[in-house]
Protein backbone atom coordinates (compact mmCIF):
# COMPACT_ATOMS: atom_id res chain seq x y z
CA UNK A 1 -88.60 -80.84 -90.32
CA UNK A 2 -89.35 -78.49 -93.15
CA UNK A 3 -87.49 -75.70 -91.38
CA UNK A 4 -84.43 -77.88 -90.92
CA UNK A 5 -84.56 -79.03 -94.53
CA UNK A 6 -84.69 -75.43 -95.71
CA UNK A 7 -81.78 -74.42 -93.47
CA UNK A 8 -79.65 -77.32 -94.72
CA UNK A 9 -80.39 -76.42 -98.31
CA UNK A 10 -79.26 -72.84 -97.74
CA UNK A 11 -75.99 -73.96 -96.13
CA UNK A 12 -75.28 -76.18 -99.13
CA UNK A 13 -75.96 -73.27 -101.47
CA UNK A 14 -73.57 -71.07 -99.44
CA UNK A 15 -70.79 -73.62 -99.72
CA UNK A 16 -71.47 -73.91 -103.47
CA UNK A 17 -71.03 -70.12 -103.86
CA UNK A 18 -74.70 -69.20 -104.53
CA UNK A 19 -76.79 -66.62 -102.74
CA UNK A 20 -79.02 -68.35 -100.20
CA UNK A 21 -81.07 -65.25 -99.49
CA UNK A 22 -82.97 -64.87 -102.75
CA UNK A 23 -83.90 -66.65 -105.96
CA UNK A 24 -82.67 -65.57 -109.31
CA UNK A 25 -86.00 -66.20 -111.15
CA UNK A 26 -89.30 -65.36 -109.59
CA UNK A 27 -88.17 -63.23 -106.65
CA UNK A 28 -90.73 -64.85 -104.40
CA UNK A 29 -88.40 -65.24 -101.43
CA UNK A 30 -88.57 -61.58 -100.44
CA UNK A 31 -87.66 -58.10 -101.63
CA UNK A 32 -84.23 -56.60 -101.17
CA UNK A 33 -82.29 -53.57 -102.25
CA UNK A 34 -82.85 -54.37 -105.96
CA UNK A 35 -86.44 -55.52 -105.65
CA UNK A 36 -87.85 -52.34 -107.17
CA UNK A 37 -85.86 -52.75 -110.39
CA UNK A 38 -87.65 -55.99 -111.32
CA UNK A 39 -84.60 -57.24 -113.22
CA UNK A 40 -84.43 -60.93 -113.81
CA UNK A 41 -80.60 -61.18 -113.93
CA UNK A 42 -79.89 -59.56 -110.55
CA UNK A 43 -80.49 -61.53 -107.39
CA UNK A 44 -83.05 -60.25 -104.96
CA UNK A 45 -83.03 -60.31 -101.20
CA UNK A 46 -80.50 -59.10 -98.61
CA UNK A 47 -76.89 -58.83 -99.69
CA UNK A 48 -73.96 -60.65 -98.08
CA UNK A 49 -72.42 -58.16 -95.58
CA UNK A 50 -68.96 -59.89 -95.59
CA UNK A 51 -67.99 -59.03 -99.17
CA UNK A 52 -67.19 -55.61 -100.68
CA UNK A 53 -69.41 -54.28 -103.46
CA UNK A 54 -68.68 -55.61 -106.98
CA UNK A 55 -66.73 -58.62 -105.75
CA UNK A 56 -68.71 -61.14 -107.75
CA UNK A 57 -72.07 -62.08 -109.16
CA UNK A 58 -73.71 -61.07 -112.37
CA UNK A 59 -74.39 -57.48 -113.31
CA UNK A 60 -71.46 -56.01 -111.39
CA UNK A 61 -73.16 -55.16 -108.07
CA UNK A 62 -74.27 -58.66 -107.20
CA UNK A 63 -72.58 -60.38 -104.28
CA UNK A 64 -70.99 -63.80 -104.37
CA UNK A 65 -71.76 -66.09 -101.49
CA UNK A 66 -68.92 -66.51 -98.99
CA UNK A 67 -66.74 -69.56 -99.28
CA UNK A 68 -65.90 -71.17 -95.94
CA UNK A 69 -62.26 -71.60 -97.01
CA UNK A 70 -61.97 -67.89 -97.82
CA UNK A 71 -63.39 -66.95 -94.43
CA UNK A 72 -60.80 -68.99 -92.51
CA UNK A 73 -57.98 -68.03 -94.89
CA UNK A 74 -58.45 -64.34 -94.10
CA UNK A 75 -58.64 -64.86 -90.39
CA UNK A 76 -55.97 -65.61 -87.80
CA UNK A 77 -55.56 -65.82 -84.02
CA UNK A 78 -55.35 -62.04 -83.82
CA UNK A 79 -58.53 -61.43 -85.89
CA UNK A 80 -59.21 -60.64 -89.56
CA UNK A 81 -56.03 -60.14 -91.57
CA UNK A 82 -55.45 -56.80 -93.19
CA UNK A 83 -54.15 -56.38 -96.66
CA UNK A 84 -51.92 -53.43 -95.83
CA UNK A 85 -50.98 -50.98 -93.09
CA UNK A 86 -51.76 -47.89 -95.09
CA UNK A 87 -55.48 -48.57 -95.50
CA UNK A 88 -57.37 -50.49 -98.11
CA UNK A 89 -55.03 -51.49 -100.87
CA UNK A 90 -52.00 -49.94 -99.12
CA UNK A 91 -48.65 -51.77 -98.91
CA UNK A 92 -47.83 -53.62 -95.62
CA UNK A 93 -44.41 -54.02 -93.88
CA UNK A 94 -42.44 -57.07 -94.90
CA UNK A 95 -38.98 -58.03 -93.61
CA UNK A 96 -36.29 -58.13 -96.31
CA UNK A 97 -35.50 -61.60 -97.55
CA UNK A 98 -32.16 -63.30 -98.04
CA UNK A 99 -31.02 -64.47 -101.45
CA UNK A 100 -33.10 -67.54 -102.13
CA UNK A 101 -36.29 -66.14 -100.64
CA UNK A 102 -35.62 -67.04 -96.97
CA UNK A 103 -36.25 -64.59 -94.10
CA UNK A 104 -33.58 -62.77 -92.11
CA UNK A 105 -35.50 -63.20 -88.84
CA UNK A 106 -33.81 -66.46 -87.71
CA UNK A 107 -30.39 -64.96 -88.44
CA UNK A 108 -31.27 -61.87 -86.35
CA UNK A 109 -32.42 -63.99 -83.42
CA UNK A 110 -29.27 -66.12 -83.52
CA UNK A 111 -27.08 -62.96 -83.63
CA UNK A 112 -28.78 -61.44 -80.57
CA UNK A 113 -28.34 -64.68 -78.61
CA UNK A 114 -24.67 -64.94 -79.61
CA UNK A 115 -24.04 -61.32 -78.57
CA UNK A 116 -25.63 -61.94 -75.16
CA UNK A 117 -23.54 -65.07 -74.63
CA UNK A 118 -20.36 -63.18 -75.56
CA UNK A 119 -21.19 -60.32 -73.17
CA UNK A 120 -21.61 -62.74 -70.25
CA UNK A 121 -18.43 -64.66 -71.09
CA UNK A 122 -15.86 -61.81 -71.18
CA UNK A 123 -15.07 -59.93 -67.93
CA UNK A 124 -12.71 -57.00 -67.36
CA UNK A 125 -11.68 -56.97 -63.67
CA UNK A 126 -10.04 -53.85 -62.21
CA UNK A 127 -6.59 -53.73 -60.55
CA UNK A 128 -8.07 -53.62 -57.01
CA UNK A 129 -10.78 -56.18 -57.71
CA UNK A 130 -11.31 -59.91 -57.73
CA UNK A 131 -14.26 -62.03 -58.82
CA UNK A 132 -15.82 -65.30 -57.70
CA UNK A 133 -17.21 -67.70 -60.29
CA UNK A 134 -20.23 -69.88 -59.58
CA UNK A 135 -20.98 -72.80 -61.91
CA UNK A 136 -24.66 -73.68 -61.82
CA UNK A 137 -24.89 -71.92 -58.45
CA UNK A 138 -21.84 -73.55 -56.77
CA UNK A 139 -18.54 -71.75 -56.15
CA UNK A 140 -15.74 -73.02 -58.41
CA UNK A 141 -12.86 -70.50 -58.55
CA UNK A 142 -11.63 -66.94 -58.00
CA UNK A 143 -10.54 -64.64 -60.81
CA UNK A 144 -7.76 -62.07 -60.42
CA UNK A 145 -7.61 -58.66 -62.07
CA UNK A 146 -7.36 -58.40 -65.83
CA UNK A 147 -9.31 -59.76 -68.83
CA UNK A 148 -10.93 -63.07 -67.86
CA UNK A 149 -13.18 -65.52 -69.71
CA UNK A 150 -15.88 -67.79 -68.34
CA UNK A 151 -18.71 -69.91 -69.64
CA UNK A 152 -21.78 -67.85 -70.60
CA UNK A 153 -24.69 -67.18 -68.30
CA UNK A 154 -26.54 -69.08 -66.88
CA UNK A 155 -23.90 -71.80 -66.86
CA UNK A 156 -21.42 -69.62 -64.94
CA UNK A 157 -22.11 -66.37 -63.07
CA UNK A 158 -19.47 -63.88 -61.93
CA UNK A 159 -19.54 -61.52 -58.91
CA UNK A 160 -16.87 -58.78 -58.83
CA UNK A 161 -15.74 -57.24 -55.52
CA UNK A 162 -13.18 -54.60 -54.48
CA UNK A 163 -10.71 -56.43 -52.24
CA UNK A 164 -8.00 -53.78 -51.69
CA UNK A 165 -10.17 -50.77 -50.97
CA UNK A 166 -10.30 -49.67 -47.33
CA UNK A 167 -13.76 -49.88 -45.76
CA UNK A 168 -14.69 -48.09 -42.57
CA UNK A 169 -17.45 -48.68 -40.07
CA UNK A 170 -18.27 -46.17 -37.31
CA UNK A 171 -19.62 -47.35 -33.96
CA UNK A 172 -22.10 -46.00 -33.01
CA UNK A 173 -23.58 -45.07 -36.36
CA UNK A 174 -24.10 -41.33 -35.67
CA UNK A 175 -23.16 -38.63 -33.16
CA UNK A 176 -26.56 -38.63 -31.44
CA UNK A 177 -26.23 -42.20 -30.20
CA UNK A 178 -24.50 -43.00 -26.91
CA UNK A 179 -22.34 -46.09 -26.44
CA UNK A 180 -21.68 -46.60 -22.71
CA UNK A 181 -19.00 -49.14 -21.78
CA UNK A 182 -18.07 -50.31 -18.28
CA UNK A 183 -14.43 -49.87 -17.26
CA UNK A 184 -12.37 -52.01 -14.94
CA UNK A 185 -12.89 -49.63 -11.98
CA UNK A 186 -16.70 -49.77 -12.34
CA UNK A 187 -17.09 -46.49 -14.20
CA UNK A 188 -18.96 -45.74 -17.42
CA UNK A 189 -17.37 -44.11 -20.45
CA UNK A 190 -19.06 -42.92 -23.64
CA UNK A 191 -16.98 -44.22 -26.57
CA UNK A 192 -17.18 -43.75 -30.33
CA UNK A 193 -14.61 -45.36 -32.62
CA UNK A 194 -13.91 -46.26 -36.26
CA UNK A 195 -12.82 -49.68 -37.55
CA UNK A 196 -11.03 -49.85 -40.92
CA UNK A 197 -10.83 -53.18 -42.79
CA UNK A 198 -10.57 -54.77 -46.22
CA UNK A 199 -11.05 -58.20 -47.80
CA UNK A 200 -8.29 -60.76 -47.37
CA UNK A 201 -9.94 -63.84 -48.94
CA UNK A 202 -12.84 -63.17 -51.31
CA UNK A 203 -14.28 -66.68 -51.33
CA UNK A 204 -14.41 -66.80 -47.51
CA UNK A 205 -15.86 -63.29 -47.44
CA UNK A 206 -18.66 -64.30 -49.83
CA UNK A 207 -19.57 -67.75 -48.60
CA UNK A 208 -18.39 -68.25 -44.98
CA UNK A 209 -20.54 -65.65 -43.22
CA UNK A 210 -24.07 -64.52 -44.03
CA UNK A 211 -23.60 -60.77 -43.44
CA UNK A 212 -19.90 -59.77 -43.31
CA UNK A 213 -20.50 -56.09 -42.49
CA UNK A 214 -22.78 -56.91 -39.56
CA UNK A 215 -20.22 -59.47 -38.40
CA UNK A 216 -17.51 -56.78 -38.32
CA UNK A 217 -19.77 -54.51 -36.24
CA UNK A 218 -20.58 -57.20 -33.69
CA UNK A 219 -16.98 -58.40 -33.36
CA UNK A 220 -15.70 -54.82 -32.98
CA UNK A 221 -18.17 -54.03 -30.21
CA UNK A 222 -17.38 -57.25 -28.33
CA UNK A 223 -13.61 -56.65 -28.59
CA UNK A 224 -13.94 -53.03 -27.42
CA UNK A 225 -16.01 -53.97 -24.37
CA UNK A 226 -13.55 -56.71 -23.42
CA UNK A 227 -10.57 -54.36 -23.73
CA UNK A 228 -12.17 -51.45 -21.81
CA UNK A 229 -13.17 -53.85 -19.01
CA UNK A 230 -9.46 -54.42 -18.34
CA UNK A 231 -8.56 -50.70 -18.16
CA UNK A 232 -9.08 -47.94 -15.63
CA UNK A 233 -11.17 -44.87 -16.42
CA UNK A 234 -8.16 -42.55 -16.53
CA UNK A 235 -6.44 -44.80 -19.08
CA UNK A 236 -9.30 -44.34 -21.54
CA UNK A 237 -8.78 -40.55 -21.50
CA UNK A 238 -5.00 -40.44 -21.86
CA UNK A 239 -3.31 -40.66 -25.23
CA UNK A 240 -1.03 -43.53 -24.26
CA UNK A 241 -3.94 -45.49 -22.81
CA UNK A 242 -6.00 -44.99 -25.98
CA UNK A 243 -3.19 -46.28 -28.16
CA UNK A 244 -2.93 -49.43 -26.05
CA UNK A 245 -6.70 -49.96 -26.24
CA UNK A 246 -6.76 -49.52 -30.02
CA UNK A 247 -4.00 -52.06 -30.52
CA UNK A 248 -5.63 -54.56 -28.18
CA UNK A 249 -9.04 -54.23 -29.90
CA UNK A 250 -7.49 -54.76 -33.34
CA UNK A 251 -5.72 -57.96 -32.21
CA UNK A 252 -8.88 -59.30 -30.56
CA UNK A 253 -10.95 -58.62 -33.67
CA UNK A 254 -8.46 -60.29 -35.99
CA UNK A 255 -8.33 -63.44 -33.88
CA UNK A 256 -12.12 -63.71 -33.76
CA UNK A 257 -12.60 -63.10 -37.50
CA UNK A 258 -9.89 -65.64 -38.31
CA UNK A 259 -11.73 -68.20 -36.20
CA UNK A 260 -14.89 -67.42 -38.19
CA UNK A 261 -12.91 -67.73 -41.47
CA UNK A 262 -14.56 -64.49 -42.55
CA UNK A 263 -11.78 -63.52 -44.98
CA UNK A 264 -11.49 -60.02 -43.44
CA UNK A 265 -8.30 -58.13 -42.55
CA UNK A 266 -8.60 -55.52 -39.78
CA UNK A 267 -6.37 -52.57 -40.67
CA UNK A 268 -6.82 -50.48 -37.55
CA UNK A 269 -9.09 -49.11 -34.83
CA UNK A 270 -9.30 -45.39 -34.00
CA UNK A 271 -11.04 -44.01 -30.90
CA UNK A 272 -12.73 -40.73 -31.82
CA UNK A 273 -14.32 -39.81 -28.50
CA UNK A 274 -13.97 -40.96 -24.90
CA UNK A 275 -16.15 -38.87 -22.58
CA UNK A 276 -18.00 -39.47 -19.33
CA UNK A 277 -21.80 -39.89 -19.51
CA UNK A 278 -23.71 -36.68 -20.09
CA UNK A 279 -25.51 -36.86 -16.72
CA UNK A 280 -22.29 -36.61 -14.70
CA UNK A 281 -20.08 -34.59 -17.04
CA UNK A 282 -20.07 -31.47 -14.77
CA UNK A 283 -19.07 -33.43 -11.68
CA UNK A 284 -16.47 -35.29 -13.67
CA UNK A 285 -14.95 -32.01 -14.86
CA UNK A 286 -14.72 -30.80 -11.25
CA UNK A 287 -12.96 -34.01 -10.33
CA UNK A 288 -10.56 -33.55 -13.22
CA UNK A 289 -9.75 -29.98 -12.12
CA UNK A 290 -9.10 -31.17 -8.56
CA UNK A 291 -6.86 -33.96 -9.84
CA UNK A 292 -4.93 -31.51 -11.98
CA UNK A 293 -4.41 -29.19 -9.00
CA UNK A 294 -3.30 -32.14 -6.89
CA UNK A 295 -0.86 -33.18 -9.59
CA UNK A 296 0.53 -29.62 -9.78
CA UNK A 297 1.04 -29.46 -6.01
CA UNK A 298 2.58 -32.91 -6.03
CA UNK A 299 5.00 -31.93 -8.79
CA UNK A 300 5.93 -28.75 -6.94
CA UNK A 301 6.63 -30.68 -3.75
CA UNK A 302 8.71 -33.20 -5.63
CA UNK A 303 10.74 -30.40 -7.20
CA UNK A 304 11.41 -28.77 -3.82
CA UNK A 305 12.40 -32.15 -2.33
CA UNK A 306 14.83 -32.76 -5.14
CA UNK A 307 16.34 -29.29 -4.66
CA UNK A 308 16.81 -29.76 -0.91
CA UNK A 309 18.20 -33.22 -1.42
CA UNK A 310 20.71 -31.96 -3.96
CA UNK A 311 21.79 -29.18 -1.60
CA UNK A 312 22.16 -31.63 1.27
CA UNK A 313 24.21 -33.97 -0.87
CA UNK A 314 26.48 -31.07 -1.84
CA UNK A 315 26.98 -30.07 1.76
CA UNK A 316 27.70 -33.67 2.74
CA UNK A 317 30.36 -33.90 0.06
CA UNK A 318 31.90 -30.63 1.29
CA UNK A 319 31.88 -31.91 4.87
CA UNK A 320 33.65 -35.08 3.76
CA UNK A 321 36.38 -32.99 2.21
CA UNK A 322 36.74 -30.85 5.35
CA UNK A 323 36.89 -33.99 7.44
CA UNK A 324 39.77 -35.26 5.37
CA UNK A 325 41.61 -31.99 6.06
CA UNK A 326 40.73 -32.18 9.75
CA UNK A 327 42.29 -35.62 10.03
CA UNK A 328 45.53 -34.24 8.64
CA UNK A 329 45.66 -31.03 10.80
CA UNK A 330 42.96 -30.96 13.47
CA UNK A 331 43.95 -27.72 15.27
CA UNK A 332 44.39 -25.66 12.16
CA UNK A 333 41.21 -26.94 10.62
CA UNK A 334 39.25 -26.25 13.82
CA UNK A 335 40.49 -22.63 13.94
CA UNK A 336 39.70 -22.08 10.25
CA UNK A 337 36.20 -23.47 10.66
CA UNK A 338 35.64 -21.12 13.60
CA UNK A 339 36.74 -18.06 11.62
CA UNK A 340 34.63 -19.02 8.59
CA UNK A 341 31.58 -19.61 10.75
CA UNK A 342 31.93 -16.28 12.61
CA UNK A 343 32.48 -14.45 9.34
CA UNK A 344 29.32 -15.95 7.86
CA UNK A 345 27.28 -15.13 10.98
CA UNK A 346 28.57 -11.61 11.71
CA UNK A 347 28.37 -10.48 8.08
CA UNK A 348 24.57 -10.19 8.43
CA UNK A 349 24.43 -8.16 11.73
CA UNK A 350 25.03 -4.49 12.65
CA UNK A 351 26.41 -5.25 16.16
CA UNK A 352 30.06 -6.09 16.79
CA UNK A 353 31.24 -7.44 20.16
CA UNK A 354 34.97 -7.46 20.92
CA UNK A 355 36.30 -9.26 23.97
CA UNK A 356 39.71 -7.78 24.68
CA UNK A 357 41.36 -5.78 27.55
CA UNK A 358 41.34 -2.00 27.15
CA UNK A 359 38.75 -2.06 24.29
CA UNK A 360 35.12 -1.11 24.60
CA UNK A 361 33.12 -4.33 24.52
CA UNK A 362 30.46 -2.87 22.22
CA UNK A 363 31.43 -0.94 19.12
CA UNK A 364 28.65 0.15 16.74
CA UNK A 365 31.01 0.03 13.81
CA UNK A 366 28.32 -0.05 11.08
CA UNK A 367 26.63 3.02 12.62
CA UNK A 368 29.91 4.90 12.80
CA UNK A 369 30.66 4.03 9.21
CA UNK A 370 27.25 5.25 8.12
CA UNK A 371 27.68 8.57 9.96
CA UNK A 372 31.07 9.03 8.41
CA UNK A 373 29.66 8.55 4.95
CA UNK A 374 26.93 11.11 5.63
CA UNK A 375 29.31 13.74 7.01
CA UNK A 376 31.84 13.45 4.21
CA UNK A 377 29.78 15.28 1.53
CA UNK A 378 29.02 18.14 3.95
CA UNK A 379 32.72 18.67 4.70
CA UNK A 380 33.50 18.73 1.02
CA UNK A 381 30.96 21.50 0.40
CA UNK A 382 32.06 23.79 3.31
CA UNK A 383 35.77 23.66 2.49
CA UNK A 384 35.87 26.84 0.25
CA UNK A 385 34.32 29.05 2.94
CA UNK A 386 37.10 28.15 5.36
CA UNK A 387 39.64 29.40 2.87
């Protein structure tokens, strides 16, 4: 009980501003830093460690007891408050005050908030772009190109998208991948193609399908397989067949995407490569060479047939004309035909047969003519000697 009474007395002295650690008269409560001086005016005992030297008391270096209000006044949530940023006694930073003594901090906060609201309310949309507006997360309207205004975020949010730019997707994604498709004649063809598209309806594009790009890929592959299944293998290699396939794939894709309400416009499909599978490419090339040779022979035969047919038609027309003449004068026409036929036959032979009385049946007229031509230069040369 005595200990508690003594402790309570010291706490009361501390709150009254007196030193609880020594007496000012007899110095019987212990010796301190000033105990060897023996002065009666200076307090003895340990000093208060919370106060700087000379902050109170009698004699200049005595220490005043801490006041509980001063302790909590100089403290805050972050710890003991400092008097200045430049050290003891240095000046601290203070925000400039408005006329009237009020702080500029609330005005600065309000200005920053207003600037943020203005930045989220004004939108400059490009000439090839459109934007969808969502009010509290729900779609409300579509904005065209130009300077547009909306409610600030988070009340309304804006998503801008390029709707006129052409987008391309290549199937398969790179040259190392193989895309084998079955043709109508049960053959396999390795195809790679490009699909070009853009956005027709931005709201449908954003909110009707989960992944529009993946949807385009899947629809393109399904349309290509369906179109190739209706064609022969040779049609996929020819230029005219490719054009028909590209047009058919584009129409199939557009119908499917319109049924999905995807808001996508298919601009075109271009087949880059149509080759046989790599395992049979050598055999396929041999088959192609054989087909080309067969086509060449077939074309040559058709040309010869057309030539013979034209010649036969010409001869038939000539015979019709001769027949008309024969009907008018049969005997004369018969004799003329005989002479023309003999002339055409005998003009290509060296033997001449004459059937007449008193004439040699066989006359080698071409041989005689040839001998005469050979002897004529010799007679021309020997003529001066005879003179």
